[in-house]
Structure formats: C-alpha cells, structure tokens
Amino acid sequence: MNCENCGAPMRLVRDRDYWVCDYCTTFHFPQENQEGVRVLGESSHLDCPACQTRLVSAAISQLPVLYCPKCKGLLATPENFRRIVDLRRHTSQKTPHVLRPLEKTELARRLRCSNCHGQMDVHPYYGPGNAVIDSCGTCALIWLDHGELTVIVTAPEREIRSGGWTSQRRR
C-alpha cells in the first residue's frame, strides 16, 4: 500500500491493524466491514478455496485472518475462529437471527484447502447458527463464506434442558 499523502510505501503495524508511512508519518486506519473484518490488504501466498483469488491479510477483533476481496470469505485457524466467535458474540448488539434450516445442498460442495490443496471437510458448525463451514484437518484451517460469521455470531443461545435443546435469546 502506498501513502495517499506522499506516495511512499506504507508499513503495516502488526497487532494494531493500521498502516504508517515512515517517510511522512501519515497513518491509514482501515474500516471494518459489516462482518467486523478490517481488511489490511497485504497479499498472502494463498488463494481463496472458493474463487481462487489471492487472499489478503485482515483482522477481526485484532485477530489475524485471511480475506478474499472477491467473494468476501474468511480463512482462519481454529484457535482464532473460536476467539473471534466468543469476542463477537459478547460484543454484538444485533438482534439474534431466526434460525433457518440447513440447506442440504451446501453439504455437497467440495473445496480444496488453500494451503495443502487437499479436499476440505464440509460440515455443519456445531455451535449456534445453523451454518455450514469448511475445514482442513491437515492444515487446521477453517473457511467461512461471506455472511456465515454473522449467522454464527447473531444466533440465539442454546441451553440444555432435560428432554433436549431449547433456544434462548441472548441478553
């Protein structure tokens, strides 16, 4: 990324999610999109498993992910995915979504892992949200299509009661 002020290359300040120009000290703070993704834009060496566009660096709640600028999907490690879901669920002000049934056709899709190029596992996310996610057991990576993080974050809570699951609204 080049500085809008002087044209010099800008340096990404890791763990702070902003760019700085070392020549003229201009700062650039990327804005979050509707899913809370702050696109940092540094190109990675991995391609999107859904559309084969080069993934770029991004952050959600200051946790690193890779982002597809074309289809807006996300690639994350299981640890960061878990932390992102926990943080976003605790800070979400959105009204919980009404759960929709899983689309069985979504389970038939086959994606190749961005890292090892092996076939990713397609399965329902086993937390709240009725989302279908893709994961690579070999590389420990999780792929989320655009909108799936929002579905997971804004899903109603579930609690166990004798006789089965019951849906609860978040407080």
Protein backbone atom coordinates (compact mmCIF):
# COMPACT_ATOMS: atom_id res chain seq x y z
CA MET A 1 0.00 0.00 0.00
CA ASN A 2 1.27 3.46 -0.87
CA CYS A 3 0.75 6.62 1.14
CA GLU A 4 -2.06 8.87 -0.12
CA ASN A 5 -0.10 11.90 1.10
CA CYS A 6 3.39 11.37 -0.39
CA GLY A 7 3.20 8.14 -2.43
CA ALA A 8 5.86 6.30 -0.40
CA PRO A 9 5.27 2.67 0.60
CA MET A 10 3.40 2.26 3.89
CA ARG A 11 4.28 -0.29 6.57
CA LEU A 12 1.64 -2.47 8.23
CA VAL A 13 1.79 -2.20 12.02
CA ARG A 14 1.00 -5.75 13.09
CA ASP A 15 -1.31 -6.30 16.08
CA ARG A 16 -2.52 -2.70 15.72
CA ASP A 17 -4.34 -3.10 12.38
CA TYR A 18 -3.16 0.12 10.73
CA TRP A 19 -0.60 1.35 8.19
CA VAL A 20 2.04 4.06 8.70
CA CYS A 21 4.24 5.92 6.23
CA ASP A 22 7.78 6.04 7.59
CA TYR A 23 8.58 8.93 5.23
CA CYS A 24 5.88 11.48 6.14
CA THR A 25 4.30 9.76 9.20
CA THR A 26 0.82 9.55 7.66
CA PHE A 27 -1.43 6.90 9.20
CA HIS A 28 -4.12 4.82 7.50
CA PHE A 29 -6.75 3.05 9.62
CA PRO A 30 -8.79 0.53 7.59
CA GLN A 31 -12.51 0.49 8.40
CA GLU A 32 -14.40 -2.62 9.50
CA ASN A 33 -16.93 -4.10 7.07
CA GLN A 34 -20.39 -5.34 8.13
CA GLU A 35 -18.93 -8.61 9.50
CA GLY A 36 -16.31 -6.83 11.61
CA VAL A 37 -13.46 -7.57 9.19
CA ARG A 38 -10.75 -4.94 8.97
CA VAL A 39 -9.09 -5.60 5.58
CA LEU A 40 -5.39 -4.82 5.86
CA GLY A 41 -4.68 -5.68 2.23
CA GLU A 42 -1.24 -7.29 2.42
CA SER A 43 -1.20 -10.10 -0.16
CA SER A 44 -0.71 -13.63 1.13
CA HIS A 45 0.69 -16.63 -0.73
CA LEU A 46 -2.66 -18.48 -0.54
CA ASP A 47 -5.59 -18.47 -2.94
CA CYS A 48 -9.26 -18.48 -1.99
CA PRO A 49 -10.68 -22.02 -1.89
CA ALA A 50 -14.00 -20.77 -3.31
CA CYS A 51 -12.96 -18.46 -6.18
CA GLN A 52 -9.14 -18.82 -6.44
CA THR A 53 -8.50 -15.09 -5.88
CA ARG A 54 -5.35 -14.26 -3.88
CA LEU A 55 -6.21 -13.91 -0.17
CA VAL A 56 -5.14 -10.78 1.71
CA SER A 57 -4.40 -10.09 5.35
CA ALA A 58 -7.24 -8.94 7.57
CA ALA A 59 -8.16 -8.84 11.23
CA ILE A 60 -11.32 -9.36 13.25
CA SER A 61 -11.18 -8.07 16.83
CA GLN A 62 -7.40 -7.73 16.30
CA LEU A 63 -7.07 -11.44 15.49
CA PRO A 64 -5.46 -12.30 12.14
CA VAL A 65 -7.44 -13.94 9.34
CA LEU A 66 -7.08 -14.10 5.57
CA TYR A 67 -9.80 -12.49 3.50
CA CYS A 68 -10.94 -12.86 -0.10
CA PRO A 69 -11.54 -9.44 -1.69
CA LYS A 70 -13.71 -11.03 -4.40
CA CYS A 71 -16.13 -13.40 -2.59
CA LYS A 72 -15.53 -11.93 0.92
CA GLY A 73 -14.86 -15.30 2.57
CA LEU A 74 -12.54 -15.81 5.55
CA LEU A 75 -9.77 -18.29 6.31
CA ALA A 76 -8.82 -18.69 9.98
CA THR A 77 -7.11 -21.04 12.36
CA PRO A 78 -9.46 -22.91 14.73
CA GLU A 79 -8.00 -21.03 17.71
CA ASN A 80 -8.61 -17.60 16.15
CA PHE A 81 -12.04 -18.66 14.87
CA ARG A 82 -13.10 -19.72 18.39
CA ARG A 83 -11.76 -16.50 19.91
CA ILE A 84 -13.41 -14.35 17.21
CA VAL A 85 -16.79 -16.03 17.75
CA ASP A 86 -16.52 -15.64 21.53
CA LEU A 87 -15.48 -11.97 21.32
CA ARG A 88 -18.03 -11.03 18.66
CA ARG A 89 -20.91 -12.82 20.44
CA HIS A 90 -20.14 -10.96 23.67
CA THR A 91 -19.98 -7.56 21.97
CA SER A 92 -22.72 -7.98 19.34
CA GLN A 93 -25.59 -5.54 19.59
CA LYS A 94 -27.51 -7.16 16.74
CA THR A 95 -30.85 -8.81 17.28
CA PRO A 96 -30.47 -12.60 17.11
CA HIS A 97 -31.33 -14.15 13.76
CA VAL A 98 -34.21 -16.53 13.44
CA LEU A 99 -32.65 -19.92 12.77
CA ARG A 100 -33.19 -21.26 9.30
CA PRO A 101 -32.95 -24.95 8.42
CA LEU A 102 -29.64 -26.12 6.99
CA GLU A 103 -29.55 -26.29 3.22
CA LYS A 104 -28.58 -29.91 2.47
CA THR A 105 -27.15 -28.79 -0.89
CA GLU A 106 -24.50 -26.76 0.97
CA LEU A 107 -23.08 -30.02 2.33
CA ALA A 108 -22.39 -31.28 -1.21
CA ARG A 109 -19.88 -28.55 -2.07
CA ARG A 110 -16.23 -29.55 -2.37
CA LEU A 111 -13.43 -27.05 -1.79
CA ARG A 112 -9.69 -27.51 -1.87
CA CYS A 113 -7.59 -26.23 1.05
CA SER A 114 -5.70 -23.05 0.24
CA ASN A 115 -2.57 -24.41 1.88
CA CYS A 116 -2.24 -28.16 1.12
CA HIS A 117 -4.78 -28.32 -1.76
CA GLY A 118 -6.41 -31.38 -0.19
CA GLN A 119 -10.18 -31.66 -0.07
CA MET A 120 -11.71 -29.75 2.82
CA ASP A 121 -14.34 -31.31 5.07
CA VAL A 122 -17.79 -29.73 4.72
CA HIS A 123 -19.91 -29.89 7.85
CA PRO A 124 -22.43 -28.01 9.97
CA TYR A 125 -20.95 -25.65 12.53
CA TYR A 126 -21.77 -27.38 15.79
CA GLY A 127 -22.33 -24.22 17.77
CA PRO A 128 -25.38 -21.98 17.41
CA GLY A 129 -26.23 -20.63 13.99
CA ASN A 130 -27.04 -23.40 11.53
CA ALA A 131 -24.08 -22.53 9.30
CA VAL A 132 -22.12 -24.88 7.06
CA ILE A 133 -18.35 -24.41 7.31
CA ASP A 134 -15.37 -25.98 5.57
CA SER A 135 -12.27 -27.16 7.40
CA CYS A 136 -8.95 -28.81 6.64
CA GLY A 137 -7.90 -31.30 9.28
CA THR A 138 -4.37 -31.50 7.85
CA CYS A 139 -3.66 -27.75 7.96
CA ALA A 140 -6.06 -26.85 10.79
CA LEU A 141 -7.78 -24.12 8.78
CA ILE A 142 -11.44 -23.08 8.68
CA TRP A 143 -13.16 -21.43 5.70
CA LEU A 144 -16.27 -19.29 6.17
CA ASP A 145 -18.27 -17.96 3.25
CA HIS A 146 -19.45 -14.36 3.35
CA GLY A 147 -22.22 -13.95 5.93
CA GLU A 148 -21.57 -17.17 7.85
CA LEU A 149 -19.72 -15.40 10.66
CA THR A 150 -22.69 -13.06 11.14
CA VAL A 151 -25.09 -16.03 11.25
CA ILE A 152 -22.94 -17.69 13.93
CA VAL A 153 -22.39 -14.51 15.96
CA THR A 154 -26.04 -13.44 15.97
CA ALA A 155 -27.58 -16.88 16.51
CA PRO A 156 -29.73 -17.31 19.61
CA GLU A 157 -28.02 -19.05 22.52
CA ARG A 158 -28.93 -22.63 23.27
CA GLU A 159 -29.10 -24.23 26.64
CA ILE A 160 -29.53 -27.85 27.60
CA ARG A 161 -32.74 -28.83 29.34
CA SER A 162 -33.87 -32.30 30.14
CA GLY A 163 -35.58 -33.63 27.06
CA GLY A 164 -33.38 -31.76 24.54
CA TRP A 165 -32.16 -28.37 23.37
CA THR A 166 -34.12 -25.21 23.75
CA SER A 167 -33.38 -21.90 22.07
CA GLN A 168 -32.72 -18.86 24.28
CA ARG A 169 -32.35 -15.22 23.28
CA ARG A 170 -29.04 -13.61 24.14
CA ARG A 171 -29.08 -10.97 26.82
